[in-house]
PDB file of N, CA and C in Angstrom:
ATOM      1  N   MET A   1      -7.417   8.096 -16.921  1.00  0.00           N
ATOM      2  CA  MET A   1      -6.848   9.380 -17.216  1.00  0.00           C
ATOM      3  C   MET A   1      -6.437  10.024 -15.897  1.00  0.00           C
ATOM      4  N   ILE A   2      -5.243  10.541 -15.850  1.00  0.00           N
ATOM      5  CA  ILE A   2      -4.759  11.281 -14.696  1.00  0.00           C
ATOM      6  C   ILE A   2      -4.880  12.759 -15.021  1.00  0.00           C
ATOM      7  N   ARG A   3      -5.602  13.479 -14.152  1.00  0.00           N
ATOM      8  CA  ARG A   3      -5.744  14.913 -14.397  1.00  0.00           C
ATOM      9  C   ARG A   3      -5.879  15.648 -13.070  1.00  0.00           C
ATOM     10  N   LEU A   4      -5.534  16.896 -13.038  1.00  0.00           N
ATOM     11  CA  LEU A   4      -5.598  17.734 -11.862  1.00  0.00           C
ATOM     12  C   LEU A   4      -7.007  17.760 -11.300  1.00  0.00           C
ATOM     13  N   GLY A   5      -7.133  17.534  -9.990  1.00  0.00           N
ATOM     14  CA  GLY A   5      -8.428  17.578  -9.326  1.00  0.00           C
ATOM     15  C   GLY A   5      -9.176  16.264  -9.296  1.00  0.00           C
ATOM     16  N   ALA A   6      -8.717  15.247 -10.043  1.00  0.00           N
ATOM     17  CA  ALA A   6      -9.387  13.947 -10.054  1.00  0.00           C
ATOM     18  C   ALA A   6      -8.865  13.100  -8.896  1.00  0.00           C
ATOM     19  N   ALA A   7      -9.746  12.283  -8.313  1.00  0.00           N
ATOM     20  CA  ALA A   7      -9.332  11.360  -7.256  1.00  0.00           C
ATOM     21  C   ALA A   7      -8.601  10.185  -7.891  1.00  0.00           C
ATOM     22  N   ALA A   8      -7.453   9.830  -7.306  1.00  0.00           N
ATOM     23  CA  ALA A   8      -6.693   8.716  -7.878  1.00  0.00           C
ATOM     24  C   ALA A   8      -5.742   8.142  -6.834  1.00  0.00           C
ATOM     25  N   ASP A   9      -5.529   6.846  -6.903  1.00  0.00           N
ATOM     26  CA  ASP A   9      -4.473   6.171  -6.161  1.00  0.00           C
ATOM     27  C   ASP A   9      -3.505   5.646  -7.216  1.00  0.00           C
ATOM     28  N   LEU A  10      -2.245   5.997  -7.070  1.00  0.00           N
ATOM     29  CA  LEU A  10      -1.241   5.613  -8.057  1.00  0.00           C
ATOM     30  C   LEU A  10      -0.114   4.825  -7.398  1.00  0.00           C
ATOM     31  N   VAL A  11       0.372   3.813  -8.086  1.00  0.00           N
ATOM     32  CA  VAL A  11       1.535   3.062  -7.641  1.00  0.00           C
ATOM     33  C   VAL A  11       2.574   3.170  -8.747  1.00  0.00           C
ATOM     34  N   LEU A  12       3.746   3.690  -8.410  1.00  0.00           N
ATOM     35  CA  LEU A  12       4.830   3.832  -9.381  1.00  0.00           C
ATOM     36  C   LEU A  12       5.806   2.678  -9.193  1.00  0.00           C
ATOM     37  N   LEU A  13       6.048   1.930 -10.267  1.00  0.00           N
ATOM     38  CA  LEU A  13       6.894   0.745 -10.207  1.00  0.00           C
ATOM     39  C   LEU A  13       8.143   0.908 -11.050  1.00  0.00           C
ATOM     40  N   ASP A  14       9.213   0.274 -10.601  1.00  0.00           N
ATOM     41  CA  ASP A  14      10.422   0.144 -11.399  1.00  0.00           C
ATOM     42  C   ASP A  14      10.442  -1.301 -11.899  1.00  0.00           C
ATOM     43  N   ARG A  15      10.028  -1.524 -13.125  1.00  0.00           N
ATOM     44  CA  ARG A  15       9.888  -2.884 -13.659  1.00  0.00           C
ATOM     45  C   ARG A  15      11.181  -3.681 -13.606  1.00  0.00           C
ATOM     46  N   ARG A  16      12.318  -3.017 -13.679  1.00  0.00           N
ATOM     47  CA  ARG A  16      13.596  -3.736 -13.619  1.00  0.00           C
ATOM     48  C   ARG A  16      13.902  -4.264 -12.224  1.00  0.00           C
ATOM     49  N   GLN A  17      13.256  -3.694 -11.213  1.00  0.00           N
ATOM     50  CA  GLN A  17      13.539  -4.073  -9.824  1.00  0.00           C
ATOM     51  C   GLN A  17      12.423  -4.888  -9.160  1.00  0.00           C
ATOM     52  N   LEU A  18      11.346  -5.189  -9.890  1.00  0.00           N
ATOM     53  CA  LEU A  18      10.217  -5.902  -9.286  1.00  0.00           C
ATOM     54  C   LEU A  18      10.628  -7.284  -8.794  1.00  0.00           C
ATOM     55  N   ALA A  19      10.326  -7.547  -7.528  1.00  0.00           N
ATOM     56  CA  ALA A  19      10.629  -8.845  -6.931  1.00  0.00           C
ATOM     57  C   ALA A  19       9.848  -8.976  -5.626  1.00  0.00           C
ATOM     58  N   THR A  20       9.679 -10.208  -5.173  1.00  0.00           N
ATOM     59  CA  THR A  20       9.044 -10.448  -3.877  1.00  0.00           C
ATOM     60  C   THR A  20       9.957 -11.311  -3.023  1.00  0.00           C
ATOM     61  N   GLY A  21       9.814 -11.138  -1.721  1.00  0.00           N
ATOM     62  CA  GLY A  21      10.561 -11.959  -0.776  1.00  0.00           C
ATOM     63  C   GLY A  21       9.771 -13.201  -0.424  1.00  0.00           C
ATOM     64  N   PRO A  22      10.269 -13.972   0.530  1.00  0.00           N
ATOM     65  CA  PRO A  22       9.560 -15.190   0.937  1.00  0.00           C
ATOM     66  C   PRO A  22       8.227 -14.866   1.618  1.00  0.00           C
ATOM     67  N   VAL A  23       7.277 -15.765   1.467  1.00  0.00           N
ATOM     68  CA  VAL A  23       5.966 -15.607   2.079  1.00  0.00           C
ATOM     69  C   VAL A  23       6.069 -16.009   3.550  1.00  0.00           C
ATOM     70  N   ARG A  24       5.393 -15.233   4.419  1.00  0.00           N
ATOM     71  CA  ARG A  24       5.371 -15.565   5.845  1.00  0.00           C
ATOM     72  C   ARG A  24       3.981 -15.289   6.400  1.00  0.00           C
ATOM     73  N   LEU A  25       3.670 -15.920   7.529  1.00  0.00           N
ATOM     74  CA  LEU A  25       2.390 -15.759   8.189  1.00  0.00           C
ATOM     75  C   LEU A  25       2.516 -14.677   9.255  1.00  0.00           C
ATOM     76  N   GLU A  26       1.668 -13.643   9.177  1.00  0.00           N
ATOM     77  CA  GLU A  26       1.677 -12.543  10.150  1.00  0.00           C
ATOM     78  C   GLU A  26       0.397 -12.581  10.968  1.00  0.00           C
ATOM     79  N   ARG A  27       0.530 -12.394  12.255  1.00  0.00           N
ATOM     80  CA  ARG A  27      -0.627 -12.326  13.161  1.00  0.00           C
ATOM     81  C   ARG A  27      -0.577 -10.997  13.903  1.00  0.00           C
ATOM     82  N   ASP A  28      -0.520  -9.893  13.148  1.00  0.00           N
ATOM     83  CA  ASP A  28      -0.339  -8.587  13.775  1.00  0.00           C
ATOM     84  C   ASP A  28      -1.577  -7.698  13.736  1.00  0.00           C
ATOM     85  N   LEU A  29      -2.689  -8.229  13.280  1.00  0.00           N
ATOM     86  CA  LEU A  29      -3.923  -7.444  13.264  1.00  0.00           C
ATOM     87  C   LEU A  29      -4.628  -7.587  14.611  1.00  0.00           C
ATOM     88  N   PRO A  30      -5.307  -6.539  15.069  1.00  0.00           N
ATOM     89  CA  PRO A  30      -5.963  -6.612  16.369  1.00  0.00           C
ATOM     90  C   PRO A  30      -7.059  -7.680  16.449  1.00  0.00           C
ATOM     91  N   ILE A  31      -7.759  -7.889  15.343  1.00  0.00           N
ATOM     92  CA  ILE A  31      -8.789  -8.934  15.308  1.00  0.00           C
ATOM     93  C   ILE A  31      -8.705  -9.630  13.965  1.00  0.00           C
ATOM     94  N   GLY A  32      -9.299 -10.788  13.887  1.00  0.00           N
ATOM     95  CA  GLY A  32      -9.362 -11.482  12.608  1.00  0.00           C
ATOM     96  C   GLY A  32      -8.259 -12.499  12.433  1.00  0.00           C
ATOM     97  N   PRO A  33      -8.283 -13.162  11.305  1.00  0.00           N
ATOM     98  CA  PRO A  33      -7.326 -14.246  11.051  1.00  0.00           C
ATOM     99  C   PRO A  33      -5.941 -13.706  10.703  1.00  0.00           C
ATOM    100  N   ALA A  34      -4.990 -14.609  10.719  1.00  0.00           N
ATOM    101  CA  ALA A  34      -3.634 -14.278  10.283  1.00  0.00           C
ATOM    102  C   ALA A  34      -3.644 -14.066   8.769  1.00  0.00           C
ATOM    103  N   ALA A  35      -2.592 -13.448   8.265  1.00  0.00           N
ATOM    104  CA  ALA A  35      -2.509 -13.169   6.833  1.00  0.00           C
ATOM    105  C   ALA A  35      -1.151 -13.613   6.297  1.00  0.00           C
ATOM    106  N   LEU A  36      -1.147 -14.096   5.077  1.00  0.00           N
ATOM    107  CA  LEU A  36       0.103 -14.385   4.377  1.00  0.00           C
ATOM    108  C   LEU A  36       0.602 -13.088   3.765  1.00  0.00           C
ATOM    109  N   VAL A  37       1.841 -12.725   4.043  1.00  0.00           N
ATOM    110  CA  VAL A  37       2.410 -11.489   3.525  1.00  0.00           C
ATOM    111  C   VAL A  37       3.805 -11.755   2.975  1.00  0.00           C
ATOM    112  N   PHE A  38       4.297 -10.816   2.193  1.00  0.00           N
ATOM    113  CA  PHE A  38       5.656 -10.898   1.678  1.00  0.00           C
ATOM    114  C   PHE A  38       6.167  -9.486   1.450  1.00  0.00           C
ATOM    115  N   ASP A  39       7.468  -9.314   1.585  1.00  0.00           N
ATOM    116  CA  ASP A  39       8.083  -8.029   1.279  1.00  0.00           C
ATOM    117  C   ASP A  39       8.224  -7.910  -0.228  1.00  0.00           C
ATOM    118  N   GLN A  40       8.276  -6.679  -0.697  1.00  0.00           N
ATOM    119  CA  GLN A  40       8.391  -6.454  -2.131  1.00  0.00           C
ATOM    120  C   GLN A  40       9.521  -5.476  -2.412  1.00  0.00           C
ATOM    121  N   GLU A  41       9.993  -5.524  -3.628  1.00  0.00           N
ATOM    122  CA  GLU A  41      10.981  -4.567  -4.121  1.00  0.00           C
ATOM    123  C   GLU A  41      10.482  -4.022  -5.446  1.00  0.00           C
ATOM    124  N   GLY A  42      10.868  -2.805  -5.759  1.00  0.00           N
ATOM    125  CA  GLY A  42      10.508  -2.217  -7.039  1.00  0.00           C
ATOM    126  C   GLY A  42       9.365  -1.238  -6.993  1.00  0.00           C
ATOM    127  N   CYS A  43       8.747  -1.055  -5.817  1.00  0.00           N
ATOM    128  CA  CYS A  43       7.689  -0.057  -5.692  1.00  0.00           C
ATOM    129  C   CYS A  43       8.354   1.269  -5.346  1.00  0.00           C
ATOM    130  N   VAL A  44       8.351   2.194  -6.285  1.00  0.00           N
ATOM    131  CA  VAL A  44       9.010   3.480  -6.094  1.00  0.00           C
ATOM    132  C   VAL A  44       8.194   4.375  -5.176  1.00  0.00           C
ATOM    133  N   ALA A  45       6.876   4.435  -5.385  1.00  0.00           N
ATOM    134  CA  ALA A  45       6.019   5.291  -4.568  1.00  0.00           C
ATOM    135  C   ALA A  45       4.570   4.865  -4.699  1.00  0.00           C
ATOM    136  N   THR A  46       3.807   5.159  -3.652  1.00  0.00           N
ATOM    137  CA  THR A  46       2.357   5.022  -3.688  1.00  0.00           C
ATOM    138  C   THR A  46       1.781   6.384  -3.342  1.00  0.00           C
ATOM    139  N   ILE A  47       0.876   6.861  -4.190  1.00  0.00           N
ATOM    140  CA  ILE A  47       0.292   8.188  -4.021  1.00  0.00           C
ATOM    141  C   ILE A  47      -1.216   8.021  -3.890  1.00  0.00           C
ATOM    142  N   VAL A  48      -1.775   8.542  -2.789  1.00  0.00           N
ATOM    143  CA  VAL A  48      -3.216   8.445  -2.527  1.00  0.00           C
ATOM    144  C   VAL A  48      -3.763   9.858  -2.407  1.00  0.00           C
ATOM    145  N   SER A  49      -4.704  10.181  -3.258  1.00  0.00           N
ATOM    146  CA  SER A  49      -5.332  11.511  -3.256  1.00  0.00           C
ATOM    147  C   SER A  49      -4.293  12.631  -3.267  1.00  0.00           C
ATOM    148  N   GLY A  50      -3.247  12.451  -4.053  1.00  0.00           N
ATOM    149  CA  GLY A  50      -2.230  13.480  -4.212  1.00  0.00           C
ATOM    150  C   GLY A  50      -1.160  13.504  -3.140  1.00  0.00           C
ATOM    151  N   ARG A  51      -1.229  12.596  -2.161  1.00  0.00           N
ATOM    152  CA  ARG A  51      -0.234  12.553  -1.084  1.00  0.00           C
ATOM    153  C   ARG A  51       0.627  11.308  -1.222  1.00  0.00           C
ATOM    154  N   ILE A  52       1.934  11.468  -1.093  1.00  0.00           N
ATOM    155  CA  ILE A  52       2.843  10.325  -1.152  1.00  0.00           C
ATOM    156  C   ILE A  52       2.777   9.620   0.192  1.00  0.00           C
ATOM    157  N   VAL A  53       2.264   8.378   0.202  1.00  0.00           N
ATOM    158  CA  VAL A  53       2.131   7.624   1.441  1.00  0.00           C
ATOM    159  C   VAL A  53       3.213   6.554   1.583  1.00  0.00           C
ATOM    160  N   VAL A  54       3.817   6.153   0.465  1.00  0.00           N
ATOM    161  CA  VAL A  54       4.975   5.264   0.475  1.00  0.00           C
ATOM    162  C   VAL A  54       5.990   5.861  -0.479  1.00  0.00           C
ATOM    163  N   ASP A  55       7.211   6.059   0.016  1.00  0.00           N
ATOM    164  CA  ASP A  55       8.281   6.654  -0.783  1.00  0.00           C
ATOM    165  C   ASP A  55       9.494   5.744  -0.706  1.00  0.00           C
ATOM    166  N   ASP A  56       9.882   5.165  -1.835  1.00  0.00           N
ATOM    167  CA  ASP A  56      11.008   4.235  -1.917  1.00  0.00           C
ATOM    168  C   ASP A  56      10.859   3.086  -0.922  1.00  0.00           C
ATOM    169  N   GLY A  57       9.640   2.558  -0.833  1.00  0.00           N
ATOM    170  CA  GLY A  57       9.367   1.403   0.008  1.00  0.00           C
ATOM    171  C   GLY A  57       9.130   1.708   1.475  1.00  0.00           C
ATOM    172  N   GLU A  58       9.224   2.947   1.879  1.00  0.00           N
ATOM    173  CA  GLU A  58       9.043   3.327   3.279  1.00  0.00           C
ATOM    174  C   GLU A  58       7.768   4.158   3.436  1.00  0.00           C
ATOM    175  N   SER A  59       7.006   3.879   4.486  1.00  0.00           N
ATOM    176  CA  SER A  59       5.806   4.666   4.768  1.00  0.00           C
ATOM    177  C   SER A  59       6.192   6.077   5.171  1.00  0.00           C
ATOM    178  N   THR A  60       5.385   7.031   4.744  1.00  0.00           N
ATOM    179  CA  THR A  60       5.579   8.419   5.156  1.00  0.00           C
ATOM    180  C   THR A  60       4.565   8.732   6.252  1.00  0.00           C
ATOM    181  N   ASP A  61       4.595   9.931   6.776  1.00  0.00           N
ATOM    182  CA  ASP A  61       3.626  10.343   7.793  1.00  0.00           C
ATOM    183  C   ASP A  61       2.328  10.853   7.183  1.00  0.00           C
ATOM    184  N   ALA A  62       2.233  10.850   5.863  1.00  0.00           N
ATOM    185  CA  ALA A  62       1.041  11.364   5.197  1.00  0.00           C
ATOM    186  C   ALA A  62      -0.149  10.449   5.471  1.00  0.00           C
ATOM    187  N   ALA A  63      -1.251  11.043   5.812  1.00  0.00           N
ATOM    188  CA  ALA A  63      -2.496  10.293   6.003  1.00  0.00           C
ATOM    189  C   ALA A  63      -3.424  10.658   4.849  1.00  0.00           C
ATOM    190  N   ALA A  64      -3.826   9.662   4.108  1.00  0.00           N
ATOM    191  CA  ALA A  64      -4.689   9.919   2.955  1.00  0.00           C
ATOM    192  C   ALA A  64      -5.628   8.746   2.773  1.00  0.00           C
ATOM    193  N   GLY A  65      -6.708   8.993   2.088  1.00  0.00           N
ATOM    194  CA  GLY A  65      -7.665   7.930   1.819  1.00  0.00           C
ATOM    195  C   GLY A  65      -8.644   7.763   2.961  1.00  0.00           C
ATOM    196  N   THR A  66      -9.457   6.721   2.883  1.00  0.00           N
ATOM    197  CA  THR A  66     -10.491   6.456   3.864  1.00  0.00           C
ATOM    198  C   THR A  66     -10.426   4.996   4.277  1.00  0.00           C
ATOM    199  N   VAL A  67     -10.509   4.741   5.573  1.00  0.00           N
ATOM    200  CA  VAL A  67     -10.560   3.376   6.084  1.00  0.00           C
ATOM    201  C   VAL A  67     -12.021   3.019   6.288  1.00  0.00           C
ATOM    202  N   TYR A  68     -12.425   1.898   5.734  1.00  0.00           N
ATOM    203  CA  TYR A  68     -13.810   1.431   5.882  1.00  0.00           C
ATOM    204  C   TYR A  68     -13.846   0.270   6.861  1.00  0.00           C
ATOM    205  N   HIS A  69     -14.785   0.313   7.777  1.00  0.00           N
ATOM    206  CA  HIS A  69     -14.988  -0.779   8.723  1.00  0.00           C
ATOM    207  C   HIS A  69     -16.348  -1.400   8.422  1.00  0.00           C
ATOM    208  N   PHE A  70     -16.366  -2.696   8.264  1.00  0.00           N
ATOM    209  CA  PHE A  70     -17.606  -3.390   7.977  1.00  0.00           C
ATOM    210  C   PHE A  70     -18.039  -4.187   9.200  1.00  0.00           C
ATOM    211  N   ALA A  71     -19.273  -4.025   9.595  1.00  0.00           N
ATOM    212  CA  ALA A  71     -19.796  -4.770  10.733  1.00  0.00           C
ATOM    213  C   ALA A  71     -20.047  -6.203  10.309  1.00  0.00           C
ATOM    214  N   SER A  72     -19.748  -7.127  11.208  1.00  0.00           N
ATOM    215  CA  SER A  72     -20.043  -8.532  10.918  1.00  0.00           C
ATOM    216  C   SER A  72     -21.185  -9.000  11.794  1.00  0.00           C
ATOM    217  N   ASP A  73     -22.028  -9.833  11.238  1.00  0.00           N
ATOM    218  CA  ASP A  73     -23.191 -10.317  12.002  1.00  0.00           C
ATOM    219  C   ASP A  73     -22.832 -11.547  12.796  1.00  0.00           C
TER     220      ASP A  73
END
């Protein structure tokens, strides 16, 4: 249920435009292994805690949510 005051992360999709690009290996993280990534199409917006963080596929300057760091032994 989406309601005023509730915490939510929302992704708005255009089902007619959903697609992915080719898969590629990225080594852009400061630590850790490389990751397989791909570009996407059809994501209209991503909203985190009421802030638009991705708008028409582009990141905005909005900072929302929490980053968790896990210690490794």
